Amino acid sequence: MTHSQEQTLGPVGVPNPVDETVSPPGMGRVATASFIGTVIEFYDFGIYGTAAALVFPEVFFPALGPAAGITASFAALGVAFVARPFGSLLFGHFGDRLGRKKTLIATMLLMGLSTILVGCMPTADQIGMAAPVLIVVLRVLQGLAAGGEFAGAVLFSSEHAPKGKRGFWAMFPNFGGGGAITLANLTFLLTTLFMSDDTFISWGWRVPFLASFLLVIVGLWIRLRIDETPVFKNQVARSVPSRLPFLEALKHQPRQVLLATGTVMIGFALTYIGGTYLVSYGTTVLELPRAFVLSMAMVGGITISAGVVLGAVLSDRIGRRWVIVGAAGVAVVWALALFPLLDLGSRGVFAIGVPVTLFLSGIATGPQGAFLSELFHTRYRYTAAGLSYSLAGMLGGGIPPLIAPSVIDSLGSFSFGCILAGVCLISLICVLAVGETRQLDLDRVTVDPIA
């Protein structure tokens, strides 16, 4: 009997009903541990994406020219997304066998050290072609760490949380993502405001990467003080851990892995277009001031956080499925209108476009932590949730920013808006096919078929 199933006896020995909305002691600390880890993950990804838009074409890819340099920078960004599924398999394997806590400490260390090394990296002018090669290697390491981080952070919260508030508590990893977008753009904004362009390009861009050291120290201190999840402990007490969680997941729930991948794509697509690519689009295509563009991206980080909270709370009331359906439906229309509006070149329109895009992303991603946790069995939940999330990141977060410059240059911005709308439509169809998961227990012994 788990913490979410324990019952107390009434005066005549009859079990009293369990209040599934009462959070156990220590949930605040658990949520903080999940939050800080994904702050580091998304901060590291976010500052690279911002640097890829503003600095890296000149620093690491100068021989390619401006347009090709931006494409190469975003290609290096995409390399990390390709590495994420492999990271989810690697760290998911140990997370399902050894526990969530130990694995999350390892992913945090790898992500933090890789990011710090990016901040120490010599430029192409200093070491030639070795510079972009080393950047790609570090991006691979970041991708491996990110592939294991998010699923573990989500499970850390959801497997501690009461059933009736699982959506709320499981949203803290995604909430950390919104905070990271704000923090990443704030650090670049501050360096932009207090440094000349030459100083920023020379060494100022390194400051946000080196600053992640502080986040890693805080994150490790918090995670080392948290116990393993009760659901995983019960699973270990009940049976031997899975020897090959990946194969077991594909054997029992291959359809759910694919549908979860499609469902989660929308959040990645809207986040990395709204929070990363539009920084490049606003500064290079629309020729808006860099400080203004970064300020709007920072506001977007606040709106995505608000959307995450709203989506998570609503998912505990009306279900994960209908929150994601609503966000995806609106996002399809918004994606078609976004670039024609931005191309008006107005600061006011840009100030609306970025925050609204990220707010819709927040609504869609708010329920996803609970959704992924509820969909899969405990024996391979870390691996299956991480794999679905990472594949979604590769398809929804890696490809759109990579192809956006060439599609917009050759076919126009509306054509790319149609592609973005198509990604949102895929998520809409997939979540309708999966069905509702809110009613499922995390420690169910059998794998329940999903309608």
Protein backbone atom coordinates (compact mmCIF):
# COMPACT_ATOMS: atom_id res chain seq x y z
CA MET A 1 0.00 0.00 0.00
CA THR A 2 1.59 3.28 -1.08
CA HIS A 3 1.44 6.75 0.39
CA SER A 4 -1.40 7.59 -2.02
CA GLN A 5 -3.37 4.49 -1.05
CA GLU A 6 -3.00 4.46 2.74
CA GLN A 7 -6.24 4.48 4.68
CA THR A 8 -7.07 5.26 8.28
CA LEU A 9 -9.60 3.28 10.30
CA GLY A 10 -12.74 4.88 11.68
CA PRO A 11 -14.14 4.22 15.17
CA VAL A 12 -15.75 0.94 14.08
CA GLY A 13 -12.78 -0.30 12.07
CA VAL A 14 -14.17 0.81 8.71
CA PRO A 15 -11.60 2.40 6.37
CA ASN A 16 -12.07 6.10 5.91
CA PRO A 17 -11.86 7.39 2.35
CA VAL A 18 -8.48 8.76 1.30
CA ASP A 19 -8.32 12.47 0.52
CA GLU A 20 -6.42 12.43 -2.78
CA THR A 21 -5.83 16.19 -2.69
CA VAL A 22 -3.84 16.32 0.57
CA SER A 23 -0.13 16.64 -0.16
CA PRO A 24 2.29 14.66 2.02
CA PRO A 25 4.94 16.47 4.08
CA GLY A 26 7.99 17.57 2.16
CA MET A 27 6.30 18.14 -1.21
CA GLY A 28 7.65 21.68 -1.32
CA ARG A 29 11.21 20.39 -1.11
CA VAL A 30 10.49 17.71 -3.73
CA ALA A 31 9.02 20.31 -6.07
CA THR A 32 12.05 22.56 -5.54
CA ALA A 33 14.40 19.69 -6.40
CA SER A 34 12.51 19.07 -9.62
CA PHE A 35 12.27 22.77 -10.40
CA ILE A 36 15.96 23.60 -9.98
CA GLY A 37 17.08 20.70 -12.17
CA THR A 38 15.00 21.75 -15.13
CA VAL A 39 15.95 25.39 -14.56
CA ILE A 40 19.52 24.28 -15.19
CA GLU A 41 18.54 22.12 -18.17
CA PHE A 42 16.43 24.76 -19.91
CA TYR A 43 18.76 27.58 -18.88
CA ASP A 44 21.67 25.79 -20.50
CA PHE A 45 19.63 25.04 -23.61
CA GLY A 46 18.18 28.54 -23.60
CA ILE A 47 21.45 30.43 -23.36
CA TYR A 48 22.90 28.31 -26.15
CA GLY A 49 19.88 29.06 -28.33
CA THR A 50 20.17 32.79 -27.62
CA ALA A 51 23.92 32.74 -28.23
CA ALA A 52 23.32 30.79 -31.45
CA ALA A 53 21.07 33.59 -32.62
CA LEU A 54 23.24 36.53 -31.50
CA VAL A 55 26.91 35.53 -31.25
CA PHE A 56 27.93 32.05 -32.37
CA PRO A 57 27.69 32.64 -36.15
CA GLU A 58 30.46 35.24 -35.76
CA VAL A 59 32.42 33.52 -33.00
CA PHE A 60 32.43 29.88 -34.13
CA PHE A 61 31.25 29.91 -37.75
CA PRO A 62 32.68 33.12 -39.26
CA ALA A 63 33.90 31.46 -42.47
CA LEU A 64 30.36 30.51 -43.49
CA GLY A 65 28.97 34.04 -43.68
CA PRO A 66 25.97 35.45 -41.79
CA ALA A 67 23.12 33.32 -43.21
CA ALA A 68 24.98 30.00 -43.30
CA GLY A 69 26.53 30.79 -39.92
CA ILE A 70 23.11 31.13 -38.31
CA THR A 71 22.03 27.85 -39.92
CA ALA A 72 25.17 26.11 -38.62
CA SER A 73 24.62 27.53 -35.14
CA PHE A 74 21.06 26.21 -35.02
CA ALA A 75 22.27 22.91 -36.48
CA ALA A 76 24.58 22.58 -33.47
CA LEU A 77 21.56 23.38 -31.31
CA GLY A 78 19.72 20.57 -33.08
CA VAL A 79 22.54 18.10 -32.40
CA ALA A 80 21.63 18.17 -28.73
CA PHE A 81 18.06 17.25 -29.58
CA VAL A 82 19.30 14.27 -31.58
CA ALA A 83 21.35 13.18 -28.56
CA ARG A 84 18.42 13.49 -26.17
CA PRO A 85 16.72 10.16 -27.01
CA PHE A 86 20.01 8.35 -26.41
CA GLY A 87 20.33 10.15 -23.09
CA SER A 88 16.82 9.11 -22.16
CA LEU A 89 17.69 5.48 -22.87
CA LEU A 90 20.99 5.65 -20.99
CA PHE A 91 19.80 7.49 -17.89
CA GLY A 92 16.30 6.00 -18.08
CA HIS A 93 17.86 2.54 -17.81
CA PHE A 94 19.62 3.45 -14.57
CA GLY A 95 16.67 5.48 -13.33
CA ASP A 96 14.39 2.46 -13.63
CA ARG A 97 16.95 0.09 -12.12
CA LEU A 98 18.80 2.15 -9.49
CA GLY A 99 16.32 4.89 -8.67
CA ARG A 100 15.34 8.42 -9.64
CA LYS A 101 17.52 10.29 -7.13
CA LYS A 102 20.95 8.91 -8.09
CA THR A 103 20.25 9.32 -11.77
CA LEU A 104 19.09 12.91 -11.41
CA ILE A 105 22.28 13.85 -9.59
CA ALA A 106 24.31 12.40 -12.48
CA THR A 107 22.32 14.26 -15.16
CA MET A 108 22.68 17.55 -13.32
CA LEU A 109 26.44 17.20 -13.04
CA LEU A 110 26.84 16.34 -16.72
CA MET A 111 24.63 19.21 -17.88
CA GLY A 112 26.29 21.78 -15.64
CA LEU A 113 29.87 20.80 -16.48
CA SER A 114 29.15 20.75 -20.22
CA THR A 115 27.67 24.24 -20.08
CA ILE A 116 30.58 25.64 -18.08
CA LEU A 117 32.99 24.22 -20.67
CA VAL A 118 31.07 25.99 -23.46
CA GLY A 119 31.74 29.23 -21.59
CA CYS A 120 35.47 28.39 -21.57
CA MET A 121 35.62 27.41 -25.24
CA PRO A 122 38.25 29.08 -27.48
CA THR A 123 36.85 30.74 -30.61
CA ALA A 124 37.39 29.84 -34.26
CA ASP A 125 39.92 32.68 -34.55
CA GLN A 126 41.96 31.04 -31.79
CA ILE A 127 41.87 27.32 -32.64
CA GLY A 128 40.30 27.20 -36.09
CA MET A 129 37.97 24.32 -37.06
CA ALA A 130 38.49 22.62 -33.70
CA ALA A 131 36.22 25.22 -32.08
CA PRO A 132 32.95 24.29 -33.83
CA VAL A 133 33.82 20.59 -33.50
CA LEU A 134 34.27 20.91 -29.74
CA ILE A 135 31.05 22.92 -29.48
CA VAL A 136 29.19 20.08 -31.17
CA VAL A 137 30.76 17.55 -28.77
CA LEU A 138 29.64 19.60 -25.77
CA ARG A 139 26.17 19.94 -27.28
CA VAL A 140 26.00 16.15 -27.53
CA LEU A 141 26.87 15.86 -23.83
CA GLN A 142 24.23 18.47 -22.98
CA GLY A 143 21.70 16.52 -25.03
CA LEU A 144 22.51 13.27 -23.24
CA ALA A 145 22.06 14.96 -19.88
CA ALA A 146 18.82 16.66 -20.92
CA GLY A 147 17.46 13.34 -22.17
CA GLY A 148 17.70 11.92 -18.66
CA GLU A 149 16.90 15.06 -16.67
CA PHE A 150 13.33 15.99 -17.49
CA ALA A 151 11.68 12.58 -17.12
CA GLY A 152 13.44 12.00 -13.83
CA ALA A 153 12.46 15.41 -12.50
CA VAL A 154 8.84 14.83 -13.50
CA LEU A 155 8.72 11.41 -11.87
CA PHE A 156 10.38 12.77 -8.76
CA SER A 157 7.42 15.10 -8.29
CA SER A 158 4.57 12.95 -9.59
CA GLU A 159 5.60 9.81 -7.69
CA HIS A 160 5.55 11.78 -4.42
CA ALA A 161 2.32 13.67 -5.15
CA PRO A 162 -1.28 12.79 -4.19
CA LYS A 163 -3.42 11.69 -7.10
CA GLY A 164 -5.82 14.63 -6.97
CA LYS A 165 -3.02 17.22 -7.22
CA ARG A 166 -0.61 15.33 -9.42
CA GLY A 167 -1.00 17.76 -12.30
CA PHE A 168 -0.03 20.68 -10.06
CA TRP A 169 3.01 19.09 -8.46
CA ALA A 170 4.26 17.47 -11.67
CA MET A 171 4.26 20.84 -13.44
CA PHE A 172 7.26 22.16 -11.51
CA PRO A 173 9.84 20.82 -13.99
CA ASN A 174 8.05 22.67 -16.80
CA PHE A 175 7.67 25.69 -14.53
CA GLY A 176 11.43 25.59 -14.17
CA GLY A 177 11.66 25.73 -17.95
CA GLY A 178 9.75 29.01 -18.01
CA GLY A 179 11.93 30.43 -15.28
CA ALA A 180 15.02 29.39 -17.21
CA ILE A 181 13.88 31.21 -20.35
CA THR A 182 13.43 34.38 -18.31
CA LEU A 183 16.78 33.91 -16.57
CA ALA A 184 18.68 33.11 -19.77
CA ASN A 185 17.38 36.15 -21.62
CA LEU A 186 17.88 38.34 -18.54
CA THR A 187 21.56 37.43 -18.35
CA PHE A 188 22.05 38.20 -22.03
CA LEU A 189 20.06 41.41 -21.69
CA LEU A 190 22.23 42.58 -18.79
CA THR A 191 25.43 41.83 -20.66
CA THR A 192 24.03 43.65 -23.71
CA LEU A 193 23.06 46.72 -21.68
CA PHE A 194 26.32 47.03 -19.75
CA MET A 195 28.77 46.05 -22.48
CA SER A 196 29.60 47.34 -25.90
CA ASP A 197 28.89 45.07 -28.87
CA ASP A 198 32.61 44.40 -29.29
CA THR A 199 33.03 43.44 -25.65
CA PHE A 200 29.93 41.25 -25.75
CA ILE A 201 31.18 39.37 -28.80
CA SER A 202 34.72 39.20 -27.43
CA TRP A 203 33.95 37.68 -24.01
CA GLY A 204 30.65 38.93 -22.59
CA TRP A 205 28.66 36.06 -24.09
CA ARG A 206 30.61 33.66 -21.86
CA VAL A 207 29.17 35.08 -18.63
CA PRO A 208 25.73 33.35 -18.84
CA PHE A 209 27.41 29.98 -19.46
CA LEU A 210 29.85 30.31 -16.58
CA ALA A 211 27.07 31.52 -14.28
CA SER A 212 25.39 28.11 -14.49
CA PHE A 213 28.00 26.94 -11.95
CA LEU A 214 25.96 28.60 -9.20
CA LEU A 215 22.78 26.83 -10.32
CA VAL A 216 24.54 23.45 -10.29
CA ILE A 217 25.81 23.93 -6.74
CA VAL A 218 22.35 24.89 -5.46
CA GLY A 219 20.70 22.05 -7.38
CA LEU A 220 23.06 19.39 -6.03
CA TRP A 221 22.61 20.61 -2.47
CA ILE A 222 18.83 20.31 -2.76
CA ARG A 223 18.75 16.94 -4.52
CA LEU A 224 21.14 15.28 -2.12
CA ARG A 225 18.70 16.03 0.72
CA ILE A 226 15.65 14.35 -0.91
CA ASP A 227 14.59 10.72 -0.45
CA GLU A 228 13.80 8.29 -3.25
CA THR A 229 10.17 8.30 -4.43
CA PRO A 230 7.67 6.05 -2.58
CA VAL A 231 6.33 4.61 -5.84
CA PHE A 232 9.77 3.42 -6.91
CA LYS A 233 10.49 2.01 -3.44
CA ASN A 234 7.25 0.03 -3.56
CA GLN A 235 8.08 -1.26 -7.02
CA VAL A 236 11.50 -2.48 -5.86
CA ALA A 237 9.95 -4.12 -2.77
CA ARG A 238 7.32 -5.82 -4.92
CA SER A 239 9.50 -7.20 -7.71
CA VAL A 240 12.95 -7.26 -9.25
CA PRO A 241 13.62 -4.12 -11.35
CA SER A 242 13.41 -4.52 -15.09
CA ARG A 243 16.66 -5.71 -16.66
CA LEU A 244 15.99 -3.90 -19.95
CA PRO A 245 13.39 -1.17 -19.39
CA PHE A 246 13.61 0.02 -23.02
CA LEU A 247 12.70 -3.37 -24.50
CA GLU A 248 9.98 -3.89 -21.91
CA ALA A 249 8.43 -0.51 -22.75
CA LEU A 250 8.45 -1.27 -26.48
CA LYS A 251 6.95 -4.68 -25.85
CA HIS A 252 4.05 -3.52 -23.67
CA GLN A 253 3.33 0.09 -24.69
CA PRO A 254 4.82 0.97 -28.10
CA ARG A 255 1.66 2.80 -29.19
CA GLN A 256 1.68 4.96 -26.09
CA VAL A 257 5.34 5.90 -26.67
CA LEU A 258 4.55 7.12 -30.19
CA LEU A 259 1.38 8.96 -29.21
CA ALA A 260 3.07 10.58 -26.21
CA THR A 261 5.85 11.76 -28.53
CA GLY A 262 3.32 13.38 -30.84
CA THR A 263 1.42 14.94 -27.95
CA VAL A 264 4.47 16.58 -26.41
CA MET A 265 5.82 18.01 -29.69
CA ILE A 266 3.67 21.14 -29.50
CA GLY A 267 5.35 22.46 -26.36
CA PHE A 268 8.83 22.10 -27.84
CA ALA A 269 7.87 23.66 -31.17
CA LEU A 270 6.22 26.73 -29.65
CA THR A 271 8.93 27.16 -27.01
CA TYR A 272 11.92 27.01 -29.32
CA ILE A 273 10.29 29.11 -31.99
CA GLY A 274 8.92 31.70 -29.54
CA GLY A 275 11.83 31.69 -27.11
CA THR A 276 14.80 31.01 -29.39
CA TYR A 277 14.22 31.45 -33.12
CA LEU A 278 12.20 34.66 -32.82
CA VAL A 279 15.20 36.23 -31.06
CA SER A 280 17.13 35.69 -34.26
CA TYR A 281 14.17 36.66 -36.47
CA GLY A 282 13.54 39.85 -34.54
CA THR A 283 17.16 41.04 -34.63
CA THR A 284 18.21 39.94 -38.15
CA VAL A 285 15.04 39.93 -40.28
CA LEU A 286 12.87 42.55 -38.56
CA GLU A 287 15.99 44.52 -37.50
CA LEU A 288 14.59 45.33 -34.08
CA PRO A 289 16.99 46.45 -31.31
CA ARG A 290 18.67 43.55 -29.55
CA ALA A 291 17.81 44.83 -26.08
CA PHE A 292 14.13 45.10 -27.01
CA VAL A 293 14.03 41.61 -28.51
CA LEU A 294 15.70 40.09 -25.43
CA SER A 295 13.30 41.99 -23.17
CA MET A 296 10.32 40.51 -25.01
CA ALA A 297 11.83 37.03 -24.81
CA MET A 298 12.23 37.57 -21.07
CA VAL A 299 8.57 38.57 -20.81
CA GLY A 300 7.80 35.44 -22.80
CA GLY A 301 9.53 33.37 -20.12
CA ILE A 302 7.14 34.87 -17.56
CA THR A 303 4.08 34.15 -19.71
CA ILE A 304 5.12 30.54 -20.36
CA SER A 305 5.44 30.06 -16.59
CA ALA A 306 1.96 31.49 -16.09
CA GLY A 307 0.65 29.18 -18.81
CA VAL A 308 2.28 26.14 -17.20
CA VAL A 309 0.62 26.84 -13.85
CA LEU A 310 -2.78 27.45 -15.45
CA GLY A 311 -2.57 24.35 -17.64
CA ALA A 312 -1.49 22.14 -14.72
CA VAL A 313 -4.20 23.37 -12.35
CA LEU A 314 -6.89 23.00 -15.02
CA SER A 315 -5.68 19.48 -15.79
CA ASP A 316 -6.43 18.42 -12.20
CA ARG A 317 -9.97 19.74 -12.65
CA ILE A 318 -10.97 18.83 -16.22
CA GLY A 319 -8.27 16.35 -17.24
CA ARG A 320 -4.94 16.38 -19.06
CA ARG A 321 -6.50 15.59 -22.43
CA TRP A 322 -8.83 18.57 -22.78
CA VAL A 323 -6.29 21.14 -21.61
CA ILE A 324 -3.82 20.00 -24.29
CA VAL A 325 -6.60 19.78 -26.89
CA GLY A 326 -7.66 23.36 -26.18
CA ALA A 327 -4.12 24.73 -26.31
CA ALA A 328 -3.31 22.83 -29.51
CA GLY A 329 -6.50 23.96 -31.23
CA VAL A 330 -5.77 27.62 -30.53
CA ALA A 331 -2.09 27.15 -31.44
CA VAL A 332 -2.95 25.85 -34.92
CA VAL A 333 -4.73 29.11 -35.72
CA TRP A 334 -2.12 31.25 -33.98
CA ALA A 335 0.76 29.63 -35.89
CA LEU A 336 -0.87 30.59 -39.20
CA ALA A 337 -1.29 34.21 -38.10
CA LEU A 338 2.01 34.68 -36.26
CA PHE A 339 4.50 35.47 -39.02
CA PRO A 340 2.20 37.65 -41.16
CA LEU A 341 1.68 39.74 -38.02
CA LEU A 342 5.38 39.85 -37.15
CA ASP A 343 6.28 40.88 -40.69
CA LEU A 344 4.45 44.16 -40.10
CA GLY A 345 7.69 45.09 -38.34
CA SER A 346 5.96 46.76 -35.41
CA ARG A 347 7.48 46.60 -31.95
CA GLY A 348 3.99 46.37 -30.51
CA VAL A 349 3.17 43.31 -32.61
CA PHE A 350 6.46 41.65 -31.65
CA ALA A 351 5.72 42.43 -28.00
CA ILE A 352 2.48 40.47 -28.40
CA GLY A 353 3.71 37.70 -30.68
CA VAL A 354 6.46 36.29 -28.49
CA PRO A 355 4.58 36.22 -25.13
CA VAL A 356 1.40 34.78 -26.67
CA THR A 357 3.36 32.03 -28.44
CA LEU A 358 5.07 31.09 -25.19
CA PHE A 359 1.86 31.34 -23.16
CA LEU A 360 0.21 28.79 -25.47
CA SER A 361 3.27 26.60 -25.06
CA GLY A 362 2.89 26.84 -21.30
CA ILE A 363 -0.77 25.82 -21.38
CA ALA A 364 0.11 22.78 -23.51
CA THR A 365 3.08 21.73 -21.40
CA GLY A 366 1.51 22.30 -17.97
CA PRO A 367 -0.28 18.91 -17.88
CA GLN A 368 2.51 16.98 -19.62
CA GLY A 369 4.45 16.01 -16.49
CA ALA A 370 1.47 14.20 -15.00
CA PHE A 371 0.38 12.95 -18.42
CA LEU A 372 3.71 11.20 -19.12
CA SER A 373 3.93 9.78 -15.59
CA GLU A 374 0.40 8.34 -15.70
CA LEU A 375 0.77 6.83 -19.14
CA PHE A 376 3.54 4.33 -18.36
CA HIS A 377 4.16 1.49 -15.90
CA THR A 378 6.59 2.03 -13.00
CA ARG A 379 8.99 -0.70 -14.17
CA TYR A 380 9.98 1.30 -17.24
CA ARG A 381 8.35 4.68 -16.62
CA TYR A 382 11.60 6.66 -16.51
CA THR A 383 12.78 5.18 -19.81
CA ALA A 384 9.45 5.40 -21.65
CA ALA A 385 8.60 8.93 -20.47
CA GLY A 386 12.12 10.15 -21.19
CA LEU A 387 12.19 8.56 -24.63
CA SER A 388 8.82 10.06 -25.59
CA TYR A 389 9.86 13.46 -24.31
CA SER A 390 13.24 13.36 -26.05
CA LEU A 391 11.84 12.21 -29.39
CA ALA A 392 9.33 15.03 -29.16
CA GLY A 393 12.18 17.44 -28.44
CA MET A 394 14.12 16.25 -31.47
CA LEU A 395 11.12 16.52 -33.81
CA GLY A 396 9.37 19.54 -32.32
CA GLY A 397 12.22 21.52 -30.80
CA GLY A 398 15.21 20.62 -32.98
CA ILE A 399 13.85 20.60 -36.52
CA PRO A 400 11.62 23.72 -36.74
CA PRO A 401 14.30 26.26 -35.68
CA LEU A 402 16.78 24.50 -37.97
CA ILE A 403 14.64 24.67 -41.11
CA ALA A 404 13.00 28.03 -40.36
CA PRO A 405 15.70 30.27 -41.95
CA SER A 406 15.81 28.35 -45.24
CA VAL A 407 12.03 27.87 -45.48
CA ILE A 408 11.34 31.54 -44.78
CA ASP A 409 14.08 32.65 -47.17
CA SER A 410 12.85 30.49 -50.07
CA LEU A 411 9.08 30.15 -49.50
CA GLY A 412 8.19 33.00 -47.18
CA SER A 413 7.34 33.26 -43.51
CA PHE A 414 3.72 32.13 -43.93
CA SER A 415 4.93 28.79 -45.31
CA PHE A 416 6.89 28.20 -42.14
CA GLY A 417 3.81 29.18 -40.13
CA CYS A 418 1.97 26.38 -41.93
CA ILE A 419 4.67 23.92 -40.85
CA LEU A 420 4.39 25.11 -37.26
CA ALA A 421 0.59 24.76 -37.45
CA GLY A 422 1.08 21.23 -38.75
CA VAL A 423 3.15 20.28 -35.70
CA CYS A 424 0.41 21.64 -33.42
CA LEU A 425 -2.21 19.67 -35.37
CA ILE A 426 -0.22 16.44 -34.94
CA SER A 427 -0.21 17.00 -31.17
CA LEU A 428 -3.94 17.62 -31.21
CA ILE A 429 -4.62 14.35 -33.04
CA CYS A 430 -2.26 12.33 -30.84
CA VAL A 431 -3.70 13.49 -27.52
CA LEU A 432 -7.21 12.71 -28.76
CA ALA A 433 -6.01 9.21 -29.66
CA VAL A 434 -4.36 8.63 -26.27
CA GLY A 435 -7.35 9.50 -24.11
CA GLU A 436 -7.51 10.71 -20.51
CA THR A 437 -4.92 9.58 -17.95
CA ARG A 438 -5.89 11.54 -14.81
CA GLN A 439 -7.77 8.59 -13.27
CA LEU A 440 -4.83 6.16 -13.47
CA ASP A 441 -2.77 5.15 -10.40
CA LEU A 442 1.00 5.40 -10.74
CA ASP A 443 1.61 2.16 -8.86
CA ARG A 444 -0.86 0.01 -10.80
CA VAL A 445 0.50 -3.52 -11.17
CA THR A 446 -0.84 -4.20 -14.66
CA VAL A 447 -0.46 -2.10 -17.76
CA ASP A 448 -3.82 -0.56 -18.48
CA PRO A 449 -4.92 -0.19 -22.07
CA ILE A 450 -5.44 3.42 -23.07
CA ALA A 451 -8.44 4.20 -25.22
